[in-house]
Amino acid sequence: MTTSTEQIASEKAAVDLMRGYLAADPEAIAAAAAAGAVCPTTAAYMRQQASGLLTEAVLADLGFSPYRRAMV
């Protein structure tokens, strides 16, 4: 399996997006969303990856909330 430049960019944007949500940083969220919206394929893959990251976090910690920091 080969890894495309779009896939790498979207995975990075998904992680940055989740990091922005966890830090409650609207500027980071906007920057990650803009980076992931470069093309439709990248945006779709970023949403898929962000959804997977969120699902894994919720399964690991049922008290997880994107509105509060994960670490204090």
N, C-alpha and C. Protein backbone atom coordinates (compact mmCIF):
# COMPACT_ATOMS: atom_id res chain seq x y z
N MET A 1 0.84 -1.18 0.00
CA MET A 1 0.00 0.00 0.00
C MET A 1 0.89 1.24 0.00
N THR A 2 0.56 2.17 -0.84
CA THR A 2 1.33 3.41 -0.89
C THR A 2 0.59 4.50 -0.12
N THR A 3 1.35 5.42 0.40
CA THR A 3 0.78 6.54 1.13
C THR A 3 0.89 7.78 0.27
N SER A 4 -0.24 8.39 0.01
CA SER A 4 -0.23 9.58 -0.84
C SER A 4 0.04 10.83 -0.01
N THR A 5 0.44 11.87 -0.70
CA THR A 5 0.66 13.16 -0.05
C THR A 5 -0.64 13.67 0.56
N GLU A 6 -1.77 13.46 -0.12
CA GLU A 6 -3.07 13.87 0.41
C GLU A 6 -3.39 13.14 1.70
N GLN A 7 -3.09 11.85 1.75
CA GLN A 7 -3.37 11.05 2.94
C GLN A 7 -2.54 11.56 4.12
N ILE A 8 -1.28 11.83 3.89
CA ILE A 8 -0.41 12.32 4.96
C ILE A 8 -0.90 13.68 5.45
N ALA A 9 -1.24 14.57 4.53
CA ALA A 9 -1.74 15.90 4.91
C ALA A 9 -3.03 15.80 5.70
N SER A 10 -3.92 14.91 5.29
CA SER A 10 -5.20 14.79 5.99
C SER A 10 -5.04 14.16 7.36
N GLU A 11 -4.14 13.20 7.51
CA GLU A 11 -3.90 12.61 8.82
C GLU A 11 -3.31 13.65 9.77
N LYS A 12 -2.39 14.46 9.27
CA LYS A 12 -1.81 15.52 10.09
C LYS A 12 -2.87 16.54 10.48
N ALA A 13 -3.72 16.92 9.53
CA ALA A 13 -4.78 17.88 9.81
C ALA A 13 -5.78 17.32 10.83
N ALA A 14 -6.07 16.02 10.75
CA ALA A 14 -7.00 15.40 11.70
C ALA A 14 -6.43 15.45 13.11
N VAL A 15 -5.15 15.13 13.25
CA VAL A 15 -4.52 15.19 14.57
C VAL A 15 -4.49 16.63 15.08
N ASP A 16 -4.15 17.57 14.20
CA ASP A 16 -4.14 18.98 14.59
C ASP A 16 -5.54 19.45 14.99
N LEU A 17 -6.55 18.98 14.28
CA LEU A 17 -7.93 19.34 14.60
C LEU A 17 -8.31 18.84 15.99
N MET A 18 -8.01 17.58 16.29
CA MET A 18 -8.31 17.03 17.61
C MET A 18 -7.52 17.75 18.69
N ARG A 19 -6.27 18.07 18.41
CA ARG A 19 -5.46 18.81 19.37
C ARG A 19 -6.08 20.18 19.65
N GLY A 20 -6.57 20.84 18.61
CA GLY A 20 -7.24 22.13 18.77
C GLY A 20 -8.49 22.02 19.63
N TYR A 21 -9.29 20.97 19.39
CA TYR A 21 -10.49 20.77 20.20
C TYR A 21 -10.13 20.50 21.66
N LEU A 22 -9.13 19.65 21.87
CA LEU A 22 -8.75 19.32 23.24
C LEU A 22 -8.19 20.52 23.99
N ALA A 23 -7.51 21.39 23.28
CA ALA A 23 -6.94 22.59 23.90
C ALA A 23 -7.92 23.76 23.91
N ALA A 24 -9.10 23.56 23.33
CA ALA A 24 -10.11 24.61 23.22
C ALA A 24 -9.52 25.86 22.56
N ASP A 25 -8.80 25.63 21.45
CA ASP A 25 -8.13 26.71 20.73
C ASP A 25 -8.80 26.93 19.38
N PRO A 26 -9.67 27.94 19.27
CA PRO A 26 -10.40 28.14 18.01
C PRO A 26 -9.49 28.44 16.83
N GLU A 27 -8.36 29.08 17.06
CA GLU A 27 -7.44 29.37 15.96
C GLU A 27 -6.82 28.09 15.41
N ALA A 28 -6.45 27.17 16.30
CA ALA A 28 -5.89 25.89 15.86
C ALA A 28 -6.93 25.06 15.11
N ILE A 29 -8.17 25.11 15.58
CA ILE A 29 -9.25 24.38 14.91
C ILE A 29 -9.45 24.93 13.50
N ALA A 30 -9.49 26.24 13.37
CA ALA A 30 -9.68 26.87 12.06
C ALA A 30 -8.51 26.57 11.13
N ALA A 31 -7.29 26.60 11.65
CA ALA A 31 -6.11 26.32 10.83
C ALA A 31 -6.12 24.87 10.33
N ALA A 32 -6.47 23.94 11.22
CA ALA A 32 -6.51 22.53 10.82
C ALA A 32 -7.61 22.28 9.80
N ALA A 33 -8.76 22.91 10.00
CA ALA A 33 -9.86 22.75 9.05
C ALA A 33 -9.48 23.31 7.69
N ALA A 34 -8.79 24.44 7.68
CA ALA A 34 -8.36 25.04 6.41
C ALA A 34 -7.33 24.15 5.72
N ALA A 35 -6.41 23.59 6.50
CA ALA A 35 -5.38 22.71 5.93
C ALA A 35 -6.01 21.45 5.34
N GLY A 36 -7.06 20.94 6.00
CA GLY A 36 -7.72 19.74 5.52
C GLY A 36 -8.66 19.98 4.36
N ALA A 37 -9.02 21.23 4.12
CA ALA A 37 -9.97 21.55 3.07
C ALA A 37 -9.30 21.90 1.75
N VAL A 38 -8.03 21.58 1.61
CA VAL A 38 -7.29 21.89 0.38
C VAL A 38 -7.95 21.24 -0.82
N CYS A 39 -8.42 20.02 -0.67
CA CYS A 39 -9.13 19.34 -1.75
C CYS A 39 -10.20 18.44 -1.14
N PRO A 40 -11.22 18.08 -1.89
CA PRO A 40 -12.31 17.27 -1.35
C PRO A 40 -11.85 15.92 -0.79
N THR A 41 -10.90 15.28 -1.44
CA THR A 41 -10.42 13.98 -0.96
C THR A 41 -9.73 14.13 0.38
N THR A 42 -8.89 15.15 0.50
CA THR A 42 -8.18 15.40 1.75
C THR A 42 -9.18 15.73 2.87
N ALA A 43 -10.16 16.58 2.57
CA ALA A 43 -11.16 16.96 3.58
C ALA A 43 -11.96 15.75 4.05
N ALA A 44 -12.36 14.89 3.14
CA ALA A 44 -13.14 13.71 3.50
C ALA A 44 -12.31 12.76 4.35
N TYR A 45 -11.06 12.56 3.97
CA TYR A 45 -10.20 11.65 4.74
C TYR A 45 -9.91 12.24 6.11
N MET A 46 -9.73 13.57 6.20
CA MET A 46 -9.48 14.21 7.48
C MET A 46 -10.67 13.99 8.41
N ARG A 47 -11.89 14.18 7.90
CA ARG A 47 -13.08 13.97 8.73
C ARG A 47 -13.16 12.52 9.20
N GLN A 48 -12.82 11.58 8.32
CA GLN A 48 -12.83 10.17 8.69
C GLN A 48 -11.81 9.90 9.79
N GLN A 49 -10.61 10.43 9.66
CA GLN A 49 -9.57 10.22 10.66
C GLN A 49 -9.94 10.89 11.99
N ALA A 50 -10.48 12.11 11.94
CA ALA A 50 -10.88 12.81 13.17
C ALA A 50 -11.98 12.03 13.88
N SER A 51 -12.91 11.49 13.11
CA SER A 51 -13.98 10.69 13.70
C SER A 51 -13.41 9.46 14.40
N GLY A 52 -12.42 8.80 13.77
CA GLY A 52 -11.79 7.64 14.38
C GLY A 52 -11.04 8.00 15.64
N LEU A 53 -10.35 9.14 15.64
CA LEU A 53 -9.63 9.58 16.83
C LEU A 53 -10.61 9.86 17.97
N LEU A 54 -11.72 10.50 17.64
CA LEU A 54 -12.71 10.83 18.66
C LEU A 54 -13.33 9.54 19.21
N THR A 55 -13.68 8.61 18.33
CA THR A 55 -14.26 7.35 18.77
C THR A 55 -13.32 6.60 19.71
N GLU A 56 -12.03 6.55 19.36
CA GLU A 56 -11.06 5.87 20.21
C GLU A 56 -10.95 6.54 21.57
N ALA A 57 -10.98 7.87 21.59
CA ALA A 57 -10.88 8.60 22.85
C ALA A 57 -12.10 8.35 23.73
N VAL A 58 -13.28 8.32 23.12
CA VAL A 58 -14.50 8.08 23.89
C VAL A 58 -14.52 6.67 24.44
N LEU A 59 -14.09 5.71 23.66
CA LEU A 59 -14.04 4.33 24.13
C LEU A 59 -13.03 4.17 25.26
N ALA A 60 -11.94 4.92 25.20
CA ALA A 60 -10.91 4.81 26.24
C ALA A 60 -11.34 5.51 27.53
N ASP A 61 -12.10 6.57 27.42
CA ASP A 61 -12.51 7.35 28.59
C ASP A 61 -13.95 7.80 28.40
N LEU A 62 -14.87 7.17 29.09
CA LEU A 62 -16.28 7.50 28.92
C LEU A 62 -16.60 8.90 29.44
N GLY A 63 -15.70 9.51 30.20
CA GLY A 63 -15.89 10.87 30.67
C GLY A 63 -15.32 11.91 29.73
N PHE A 64 -14.88 11.48 28.55
CA PHE A 64 -14.26 12.39 27.58
C PHE A 64 -15.25 13.45 27.11
N SER A 65 -14.77 14.68 27.02
CA SER A 65 -15.58 15.76 26.48
C SER A 65 -14.67 16.67 25.65
N PRO A 66 -15.08 17.02 24.42
CA PRO A 66 -14.27 17.93 23.63
C PRO A 66 -14.31 19.36 24.17
N TYR A 67 -15.13 19.59 25.19
CA TYR A 67 -15.27 20.93 25.75
C TYR A 67 -14.37 21.15 26.98
N ARG A 68 -13.62 20.11 27.37
CA ARG A 68 -12.71 20.28 28.50
C ARG A 68 -11.40 19.63 28.14
N ARG A 69 -10.34 20.15 28.69
CA ARG A 69 -9.00 19.64 28.39
C ARG A 69 -8.87 18.19 28.84
N ALA A 70 -8.16 17.41 28.05
CA ALA A 70 -7.95 16.01 28.41
C ALA A 70 -6.93 15.88 29.53
N MET A 71 -5.97 16.80 29.56
CA MET A 71 -4.93 16.76 30.59
C MET A 71 -4.92 18.10 31.31
N VAL A 72 -4.71 18.04 32.59
CA VAL A 72 -4.67 19.27 33.37
C VAL A 72 -3.26 19.58 33.79
